[in-house]
C-alpha atoms as a PDB file:
ATOM      1  CA  LEU A   1      85.171 104.424  94.653  1.00  0.00           C
ATOM      2  CA  MET A   2      86.953 100.459  93.639  1.00  0.00           C
ATOM      3  CA  ILE A   3      88.485  98.635  96.529  1.00  0.00           C
ATOM      4  CA  VAL A   4      90.507  95.488  96.046  1.00  0.00           C
ATOM      5  CA  GLY A   5      91.824  93.361  98.992  1.00  0.00           C
ATOM      6  CA  ASN A   6      91.514  89.904 100.527  1.00  0.00           C
ATOM      7  CA  PHE A   7      87.749  89.902 101.446  1.00  0.00           C
ATOM      8  CA  THR A   8      85.253  87.568 100.093  1.00  0.00           C
ATOM      9  CA  SER A   9      82.192  90.036 100.402  1.00  0.00           C
ATOM     10  CA  PHE A  10      81.756  94.138 100.837  1.00  0.00           C
ATOM     11  CA  ASN A  11      78.292  94.911 103.353  1.00  0.00           C
ATOM     12  CA  GLY A  12      77.067  91.233 103.234  1.00  0.00           C
ATOM     13  CA  ILE A  13      77.680  91.625  99.289  1.00  0.00           C
ATOM     14  CA  PRO A  14      79.497  88.383  97.803  1.00  0.00           C
ATOM     15  CA  ARG A  15      82.658  90.314  95.768  1.00  0.00           C
ATOM     16  CA  GLN A  16      85.814  88.244  95.279  1.00  0.00           C
ATOM     17  CA  ASN A  17      88.557  90.637  96.144  1.00  0.00           C
ATOM     18  CA  ILE A  18      87.224  93.727  93.974  1.00  0.00           C
ATOM     19  CA  ALA A  19      83.882  95.990  94.680  1.00  0.00           C
ATOM     20  CA  VAL A  20      83.065  99.220  93.406  1.00  0.00           C
ATOM     21  CA  ILE A  21      81.365 101.526  96.062  1.00  0.00           C
ATOM     22  CA  ASN A  22      78.729 103.440  95.542  1.00  0.00           C
ATOM     23  CA  THR A  23      78.777 106.944  97.348  1.00  0.00           C
ATOM     24  CA  ASP A  24      76.581 106.309  99.594  1.00  0.00           C
ATOM     25  CA  GLY A  25      78.479 103.181 100.755  1.00  0.00           C
ATOM     26  CA  THR A  26      76.622 100.704  99.007  1.00  0.00           C
ATOM     27  CA  VAL A  27      77.441  97.929  96.556  1.00  0.00           C
ATOM     28  CA  ASP A  28      77.458  98.731  92.994  1.00  0.00           C
ATOM     29  CA  MET A  29      75.460  96.125  91.544  1.00  0.00           C
ATOM     30  CA  SER A  30      76.386  96.955  87.908  1.00  0.00           C
ATOM     31  CA  PHE A  31      79.967  95.536  88.566  1.00  0.00           C
ATOM     32  CA  VAL A  32      79.855  91.930  88.808  1.00  0.00           C
ATOM     33  CA  PRO A  33      83.650  90.691  88.665  1.00  0.00           C
ATOM     34  CA  VAL A  34      84.089  87.482  87.011  1.00  0.00           C
ATOM     35  CA  THR A  35      85.555  84.633  89.048  1.00  0.00           C
ATOM     36  CA  MET A  36      89.197  85.882  89.810  1.00  0.00           C
ATOM     37  CA  ASN A  37      91.630  84.083  92.029  1.00  0.00           C
ATOM     38  CA  PHE A  38      94.692  85.930  92.487  1.00  0.00           C
ATOM     39  CA  THR A  39      97.640  86.065  95.095  1.00  0.00           C
ATOM     40  CA  ASP A  40      97.996  89.613  95.783  1.00  0.00           C
ATOM     41  CA  ILE A  41      96.716  92.822  93.564  1.00  0.00           C
ATOM     42  CA  TYR A  42      99.118  95.761  94.237  1.00  0.00           C
ATOM     43  CA  ASN A  43      97.571  98.331  91.997  1.00  0.00           C
ATOM     44  CA  PHE A  44      94.845  99.157  89.284  1.00  0.00           C
ATOM     45  CA  MET A  45      94.232 101.589  86.828  1.00  0.00           C
ATOM     46  CA  ILE A  46      90.932 102.785  85.717  1.00  0.00           C
ATOM     47  CA  GLU A  47      91.082 103.797  81.906  1.00  0.00           C
ATOM     48  CA  ASP A  48      87.593 104.954  79.563  1.00  0.00           C
ATOM     49  CA  ASP A  49      87.189 101.226  78.144  1.00  0.00           C
ATOM     50  CA  LYS A  50      88.619  99.036  80.577  1.00  0.00           C
ATOM     51  CA  ILE A  51      90.490  98.678  84.385  1.00  0.00           C
ATOM     52  CA  ILE A  52      93.855  97.257  84.669  1.00  0.00           C
ATOM     53  CA  PHE A  53      95.063  95.447  87.106  1.00  0.00           C
ATOM     54  CA  VAL A  54      98.414  94.231  88.136  1.00  0.00           C
ATOM     55  CA  GLY A  55      99.966  92.058  90.947  1.00  0.00           C
ATOM     56  CA  ASN A  56     100.926  88.459  91.688  1.00  0.00           C
ATOM     57  CA  ASN A  57      99.417  85.289  89.816  1.00  0.00           C
ATOM     58  CA  MET A  58      95.973  86.656  89.407  1.00  0.00           C
ATOM     59  CA  SER A  59      93.875  84.532  86.615  1.00  0.00           C
ATOM     60  CA  VAL A  60      90.200  84.586  85.421  1.00  0.00           C
ATOM     61  CA  PRO A  61      89.037  81.700  83.668  1.00  0.00           C
ATOM     62  CA  GLY A  62      90.852  80.606  80.675  1.00  0.00           C
ATOM     63  CA  TYR A  63      93.713  83.542  81.637  1.00  0.00           C
ATOM     64  CA  SER A  64      96.433  83.882  83.868  1.00  0.00           C
ATOM     65  CA  GLY A  65      98.676  86.140  84.699  1.00  0.00           C
ATOM     66  CA  ASN A  66     100.573  89.305  86.882  1.00  0.00           C
ATOM     67  CA  MET A  67      98.345  91.962  84.548  1.00  0.00           C
ATOM     68  CA  LEU A  68      94.401  91.778  83.123  1.00  0.00           C
ATOM     69  CA  ALA A  69      92.089  93.504  82.425  1.00  0.00           C
ATOM     70  CA  LEU A  70      88.686  94.112  83.037  1.00  0.00           C
ATOM     71  CA  ASN A  71      85.409  95.855  81.362  1.00  0.00           C
ATOM     72  CA  HIS A  72      83.483  98.478  83.462  1.00  0.00           C
ATOM     73  CA  ASP A  73      80.656  95.988  84.481  1.00  0.00           C
ATOM     74  CA  GLY A  74      83.543  93.249  85.935  1.00  0.00           C
ATOM     75  CA  SER A  75      83.587  91.314  82.940  1.00  0.00           C
ATOM     76  CA  HIS A  76      87.090  89.998  81.388  1.00  0.00           C
ATOM     77  CA  HIS A  77      88.105  92.527  78.598  1.00  0.00           C
ATOM     78  CA  PRO A  78      89.348  89.973  76.336  1.00  0.00           C
ATOM     79  CA  ALA A  79      91.132  92.748  73.657  1.00  0.00           C
ATOM     80  CA  PHE A  80      93.673  93.539  76.667  1.00  0.00           C
ATOM     81  CA  PRO A  81      96.274  91.043  76.347  1.00  0.00           C
ATOM     82  CA  VAL A  82      97.067  89.191  80.089  1.00  0.00           C
ATOM     83  CA  TYR A  83     100.361  89.103  80.415  1.00  0.00           C
ATOM     84  CA  SER A  84     103.085  86.726  82.987  1.00  0.00           C
ATOM     85  CA  SER A  85     106.105  87.747  84.184  1.00  0.00           C
ATOM     86  CA  SER A  86     109.082  86.455  86.355  1.00  0.00           C
ATOM     87  CA  SER A  87     108.231  88.274  89.499  1.00  0.00           C
ATOM     88  CA  THR A  88     106.039  90.542  91.055  1.00  0.00           C
ATOM     89  CA  VAL A  89     104.467  93.584  89.226  1.00  0.00           C
ATOM     90  CA  TYR A  90     103.967  96.746  91.315  1.00  0.00           C
ATOM     91  CA  GLY A  91     102.094  99.473  89.275  1.00  0.00           C
ATOM     92  CA  CYS A  92     101.557 101.134  85.970  1.00  0.00           C
ATOM     93  CA  PHE A  93     100.880 104.384  85.000  1.00  0.00           C
ATOM     94  CA  LYS A  94      99.938 105.835  81.929  1.00  0.00           C
ATOM     95  CA  LYS A  95     102.130 108.636  80.071  1.00  0.00           C
ATOM     96  CA  SER A  96     100.887 111.900  78.616  1.00  0.00           C
ATOM     97  CA  ASN A  97     101.022 110.226  75.509  1.00  0.00           C
ATOM     98  CA  GLY A  98      98.785 107.370  76.370  1.00  0.00           C
ATOM     99  CA  LYS A  99     101.259 105.100  76.281  1.00  0.00           C
ATOM    100  CA  LEU A 100     101.233 102.635  79.600  1.00  0.00           C
ATOM    101  CA  ILE A 101     104.708 101.887  82.099  1.00  0.00           C
ATOM    102  CA  VAL A 102     104.579  98.813  83.794  1.00  0.00           C
ATOM    103  CA  TYR A 103     106.648  98.541  86.511  1.00  0.00           C
ATOM    104  CA  GLY A 104     107.785  95.866  89.217  1.00  0.00           C
ATOM    105  CA  GLY A 105     110.563  93.004  90.353  1.00  0.00           C
ATOM    106  CA  PHE A 106     110.439  90.927  86.944  1.00  0.00           C
ATOM    107  CA  ILE A 107     113.353  90.397  84.593  1.00  0.00           C
ATOM    108  CA  ASP A 108     111.312  89.335  82.103  1.00  0.00           C
ATOM    109  CA  PHE A 109     107.365  90.445  80.703  1.00  0.00           C
ATOM    110  CA  GLY A 110     105.102  88.660  78.573  1.00  0.00           C
ATOM    111  CA  SER A 111     108.267  86.237  77.505  1.00  0.00           C
ATOM    112  CA  ARG A 112     110.826  89.771  76.548  1.00  0.00           C
ATOM    113  CA  VAL A 113     113.875  90.656  78.448  1.00  0.00           C
ATOM    114  CA  GLN A 114     112.370  93.472  80.363  1.00  0.00           C
ATOM    115  CA  HIS A 115     114.304  94.810  83.468  1.00  0.00           C
ATOM    116  CA  LYS A 116     111.602  95.549  86.228  1.00  0.00           C
ATOM    117  CA  PHE A 117     109.936  97.920  83.730  1.00  0.00           C
ATOM    118  CA  VAL A 118     108.060  98.435  80.220  1.00  0.00           C
ATOM    119  CA  GLN A 119     106.305 100.377  78.033  1.00  0.00           C
ATOM    120  CA  LEU A 120     103.411  99.301  76.285  1.00  0.00           C
ATOM    121  CA  LEU A 121     100.706 100.841  73.873  1.00  0.00           C
ATOM    122  CA  ALA A 122      97.760 101.531  75.093  1.00  0.00           C
ATOM    123  CA  ASN A 123      95.840  98.696  73.818  1.00  0.00           C
ATOM    124  CA  GLY A 124      98.155  96.671  75.264  1.00  0.00           C
ATOM    125  CA  SER A 125     100.825  95.353  73.040  1.00  0.00           C
ATOM    126  CA  PHE A 126     104.302  96.032  73.484  1.00  0.00           C
ATOM    127  CA  ASP A 127     106.153  99.243  72.599  1.00  0.00           C
ATOM    128  CA  ASP A 128     109.153  98.321  70.366  1.00  0.00           C
ATOM    129  CA  VAL A 129     110.482 101.833  69.454  1.00  0.00           C
ATOM    130  CA  GLU A 130     111.058 102.529  73.220  1.00  0.00           C
ATOM    131  CA  ARG A 131     112.747  98.878  74.111  1.00  0.00           C
ATOM    132  CA  LYS A 132     116.208  99.921  73.926  1.00  0.00           C
ATOM    133  CA  PHE A 133     116.867 100.638  77.719  1.00  0.00           C
ATOM    134  CA  ASN A 134     118.395  98.071  80.206  1.00  0.00           C
ATOM    135  CA  GLY A 135     116.004  98.955  83.122  1.00  0.00           C
ATOM    136  CA  THR A 136     117.295  99.168  86.903  1.00  0.00           C
ATOM    137  CA  ASN A 137     119.065  96.278  88.509  1.00  0.00           C
ATOM    138  CA  GLU A 138     116.245  95.943  91.194  1.00  0.00           C
ATOM    139  CA  TYR A 139     112.647  96.516  91.891  1.00  0.00           C
ATOM    140  CA  ILE A 140     110.873  99.379  91.198  1.00  0.00           C
ATOM    141  CA  TYR A 141     108.210  99.916  93.471  1.00  0.00           C
ATOM    142  CA  SER A 142     106.459 103.066  92.557  1.00  0.00           C
ATOM    143  CA  GLY A 143     105.929 105.526  89.241  1.00  0.00           C
ATOM    144  CA  VAL A 144     104.196 108.749  88.348  1.00  0.00           C
ATOM    145  CA  ALA A 145     103.959 110.587  85.037  1.00  0.00           C
ATOM    146  CA  ASN A 146     104.158 114.569  84.706  1.00  0.00           C
ATOM    147  CA  GLN A 147     102.363 116.301  81.650  1.00  0.00           C
ATOM    148  CA  ASP A 148     105.766 117.330  80.002  1.00  0.00           C
ATOM    149  CA  GLY A 149     106.010 113.272  79.211  1.00  0.00           C
ATOM    150  CA  THR A 150     108.863 112.881  81.735  1.00  0.00           C
ATOM    151  CA  TYR A 151     108.078 110.561  84.525  1.00  0.00           C
ATOM    152  CA  PHE A 152     110.041 109.367  87.848  1.00  0.00           C
ATOM    153  CA  VAL A 153     110.251 105.759  89.213  1.00  0.00           C
ATOM    154  CA  GLY A 154     111.273 105.111  92.806  1.00  0.00           C
ATOM    155  CA  GLY A 155     112.397 101.574  94.290  1.00  0.00           C
ATOM    156  CA  ASN A 156     115.419  99.794  95.880  1.00  0.00           C
ATOM    157  CA  PHE A 157     117.527 100.035  92.769  1.00  0.00           C
ATOM    158  CA  LEU A 158     120.740 101.582  92.001  1.00  0.00           C
ATOM    159  CA  THR A 159     121.280 101.716  88.676  1.00  0.00           C
ATOM    160  CA  TYR A 160     119.486 102.264  85.844  1.00  0.00           C
ATOM    161  CA  ASP A 161     121.036 101.451  81.994  1.00  0.00           C
ATOM    162  CA  LYS A 162     124.159 101.746  83.739  1.00  0.00           C
ATOM    163  CA  PHE A 163     123.488 105.056  85.240  1.00  0.00           C
ATOM    164  CA  GLN A 164     123.921 105.480  89.095  1.00  0.00           C
ATOM    165  CA  SER A 165     121.123 106.158  90.246  1.00  0.00           C
ATOM    166  CA  LYS A 166     120.166 105.529  94.253  1.00  0.00           C
ATOM    167  CA  TYR A 167     116.096 105.024  94.626  1.00  0.00           C
ATOM    168  CA  PHE A 168     115.143 107.467  92.389  1.00  0.00           C
ATOM    169  CA  ILE A 169     115.108 108.676  88.816  1.00  0.00           C
ATOM    170  CA  LYS A 170     113.520 111.141  86.240  1.00  0.00           C
ATOM    171  CA  LEU A 171     113.543 109.502  83.129  1.00  0.00           C
ATOM    172  CA  ASN A 172     112.152 111.614  79.672  1.00  0.00           C
ATOM    173  CA  SER A 173     109.504 110.339  77.866  1.00  0.00           C
ATOM    174  CA  ASN A 174     111.486 107.967  75.783  1.00  0.00           C
ATOM    175  CA  GLY A 175     112.729 106.715  78.481  1.00  0.00           C
ATOM    176  CA  SER A 176     116.436 108.215  78.874  1.00  0.00           C
ATOM    177  CA  VAL A 177     118.174 109.862  81.659  1.00  0.00           C
END
Protein backbone atom coordinates (compact mmCIF):
# COMPACT_ATOMS: atom_id res chain seq x y z
CA LEU A 1 0.00 0.00 0.00
CA MET A 2 1.40 3.38 -0.96
CA ILE A 3 0.22 6.57 0.71
CA VAL A 4 0.91 10.16 -0.29
CA GLY A 5 0.02 13.36 1.50
CA ASN A 6 1.37 16.18 3.58
CA PHE A 7 3.43 14.46 6.29
CA THR A 8 7.05 14.21 7.45
CA SER A 9 6.84 10.82 9.17
CA PHE A 10 4.60 7.76 9.39
CA ASN A 11 4.43 5.69 12.58
CA GLY A 12 7.54 7.51 13.79
CA ILE A 13 9.59 6.69 10.67
CA PRO A 14 10.79 9.76 8.72
CA ARG A 15 9.04 9.84 5.34
CA GLN A 16 8.57 13.02 3.33
CA ASN A 17 5.03 12.88 1.92
CA ILE A 18 5.33 9.34 0.49
CA ALA A 19 5.39 6.00 2.31
CA VAL A 20 4.88 2.35 1.46
CA ILE A 21 3.04 0.42 4.15
CA ASN A 22 3.29 -3.33 4.73
CA THR A 23 0.17 -5.41 5.34
CA ASP A 24 0.87 -5.34 9.09
CA GLY A 25 0.83 -1.51 9.09
CA THR A 26 4.59 -1.02 9.43
CA VAL A 27 6.60 1.15 7.07
CA ASP A 28 8.29 -0.76 4.25
CA MET A 29 11.94 0.09 4.87
CA SER A 30 12.97 -1.04 1.36
CA PHE A 31 11.23 2.02 -0.10
CA VAL A 32 13.34 5.05 0.75
CA PRO A 33 12.14 7.99 -1.33
CA VAL A 34 14.64 10.53 -2.58
CA THR A 35 14.36 14.00 -1.12
CA MET A 36 11.23 15.14 -2.86
CA ASN A 37 9.65 18.54 -2.52
CA PHE A 38 6.22 19.32 -3.83
CA THR A 39 3.21 21.51 -3.37
CA ASP A 40 0.74 18.69 -4.04
CA ILE A 41 0.67 15.12 -5.34
CA TYR A 42 -2.75 14.48 -6.83
CA ASN A 43 -2.33 11.00 -8.19
CA PHE A 44 0.15 8.22 -8.77
CA MET A 45 0.27 5.13 -10.91
CA ILE A 46 2.31 2.03 -10.13
CA GLU A 47 3.92 0.45 -13.17
CA ASP A 48 6.14 -2.63 -13.49
CA ASP A 49 9.40 -0.70 -13.33
CA LYS A 50 8.37 2.69 -11.93
CA ILE A 51 5.89 4.74 -9.93
CA ILE A 52 4.62 7.81 -11.79
CA PHE A 53 3.56 10.81 -9.71
CA VAL A 54 1.55 13.76 -10.99
CA GLY A 55 0.66 16.99 -9.25
CA ASN A 56 1.89 20.52 -8.82
CA ASN A 57 5.45 21.83 -8.40
CA MET A 58 7.19 18.54 -7.57
CA SER A 59 10.95 18.17 -7.51
CA VAL A 60 13.71 15.70 -6.81
CA PRO A 61 17.37 16.74 -6.79
CA GLY A 62 18.21 18.07 -10.23
CA TYR A 63 14.67 17.83 -11.65
CA SER A 64 11.38 19.66 -11.15
CA GLY A 65 8.01 19.49 -12.83
CA ASN A 66 4.42 18.33 -12.63
CA MET A 67 5.08 14.71 -13.56
CA LEU A 68 7.99 12.51 -12.53
CA ALA A 69 8.76 8.88 -11.81
CA LEU A 70 10.50 6.97 -9.03
CA ASN A 71 11.84 3.44 -8.98
CA HIS A 72 10.23 0.94 -6.61
CA ASP A 73 13.03 1.54 -4.09
CA GLY A 74 12.22 5.27 -4.00
CA SER A 75 15.12 6.51 -6.13
CA HIS A 76 14.54 8.80 -9.08
CA HIS A 77 13.72 6.95 -12.33
CA PRO A 78 15.92 8.91 -14.77
CA ALA A 79 14.76 7.09 -17.94
CA PHE A 80 11.23 8.48 -17.61
CA PRO A 81 11.05 12.18 -18.60
CA VAL A 82 10.23 14.83 -16.01
CA TYR A 83 7.56 17.15 -17.40
CA SER A 84 6.49 20.65 -16.44
CA SER A 85 3.16 22.14 -17.38
CA SER A 86 1.42 25.49 -17.26
CA SER A 87 -0.97 24.31 -14.53
CA THR A 88 -1.71 21.37 -12.27
CA VAL A 89 -1.69 17.79 -13.50
CA TYR A 90 -4.54 15.95 -11.76
CA GLY A 91 -4.06 12.40 -12.91
CA CYS A 92 -2.94 9.78 -15.35
CA PHE A 93 -4.02 6.34 -16.44
CA LYS A 94 -2.79 3.59 -18.69
CA LYS A 95 -4.79 2.61 -21.77
CA SER A 96 -5.15 -1.00 -22.88
CA ASN A 97 -2.47 -0.42 -25.55
CA GLY A 98 0.06 0.64 -22.88
CA LYS A 99 -0.04 4.35 -23.70
CA LEU A 100 -0.52 6.88 -20.91
CA ILE A 101 -3.15 9.61 -20.76
CA VAL A 102 -2.17 12.56 -18.56
CA TYR A 103 -4.83 15.14 -17.71
CA GLY A 104 -5.37 18.31 -15.71
CA GLY A 105 -5.71 22.05 -16.09
CA PHE A 106 -2.72 22.76 -18.30
CA ILE A 107 -2.56 24.44 -21.68
CA ASP A 108 1.02 23.42 -22.30
CA PHE A 109 2.78 20.26 -21.18
CA GLY A 110 6.46 19.69 -21.70
CA SER A 111 6.71 22.91 -23.78
CA ARG A 112 3.99 21.73 -26.18
CA VAL A 113 0.49 23.10 -26.56
CA GLN A 114 -1.77 20.43 -25.05
CA HIS A 115 -5.25 21.47 -23.98
CA LYS A 116 -5.88 19.69 -20.69
CA PHE A 117 -4.65 16.25 -21.72
CA VAL A 118 -1.80 14.56 -23.50
CA GLN A 119 -1.04 11.03 -24.64
CA LEU A 120 2.40 9.59 -23.95
CA LEU A 121 4.04 6.37 -25.02
CA ALA A 122 4.79 3.84 -22.27
CA ASN A 123 8.37 5.15 -22.00
CA GLY A 124 7.06 8.67 -21.31
CA SER A 125 7.83 10.23 -24.69
CA PHE A 126 5.16 12.14 -26.59
CA ASP A 127 2.83 10.18 -28.86
CA ASP A 128 2.91 12.39 -31.93
CA VAL A 129 0.56 10.10 -33.87
CA GLU A 130 -2.49 10.94 -31.73
CA ARG A 131 -1.77 14.60 -31.01
CA LYS A 132 -4.26 16.13 -33.44
CA PHE A 133 -7.19 16.84 -31.10
CA ASN A 134 -7.74 20.19 -29.40
CA GLY A 135 -8.70 18.83 -25.97
CA THR A 136 -11.20 20.46 -23.64
CA ASN A 137 -11.95 24.09 -22.86
CA GLU A 138 -11.61 23.61 -19.08
CA TYR A 139 -10.00 21.28 -16.53
CA ILE A 140 -10.15 17.50 -16.59
CA TYR A 141 -10.24 16.06 -13.06
CA SER A 142 -10.69 12.33 -13.67
CA GLY A 143 -10.20 9.66 -16.28
CA VAL A 144 -10.43 5.92 -16.73
CA ALA A 145 -9.70 3.46 -19.54
CA ASN A 146 -11.84 0.59 -20.80
CA GLN A 147 -10.35 -2.72 -21.93
CA ASP A 148 -11.62 -2.09 -25.47
CA GLY A 149 -9.33 0.95 -25.79
CA THR A 150 -11.97 3.62 -25.28
CA TYR A 151 -11.71 5.91 -22.29
CA PHE A 152 -13.73 8.43 -20.30
CA VAL A 153 -12.68 11.81 -18.94
CA GLY A 154 -14.62 14.10 -16.65
CA GLY A 155 -14.20 17.65 -15.43
CA ASN A 156 -15.71 21.11 -15.61
CA PHE A 157 -15.43 21.40 -19.39
CA LEU A 158 -18.22 22.16 -21.85
CA THR A 159 -16.47 21.25 -25.09
CA TYR A 160 -14.00 18.70 -26.39
CA ASP A 161 -12.34 19.37 -29.74
CA LYS A 162 -15.21 21.73 -30.67
CA PHE A 163 -17.88 19.13 -29.73
CA GLN A 164 -20.41 20.07 -27.07
CA SER A 165 -19.87 17.80 -24.09
CA LYS A 166 -20.85 18.94 -20.65
CA TYR A 167 -18.49 17.62 -17.94
CA PHE A 168 -18.02 14.08 -19.28
CA ILE A 169 -17.08 12.41 -22.56
CA LYS A 170 -16.27 8.95 -23.91
CA LEU A 171 -13.39 8.91 -26.40
CA ASN A 172 -12.24 6.33 -28.90
CA SER A 173 -8.77 4.84 -28.56
CA ASN A 174 -7.38 7.44 -30.99
CA GLY A 175 -8.89 10.37 -29.05
CA SER A 176 -11.81 10.98 -31.40
CA VAL A 177 -15.40 11.32 -30.20
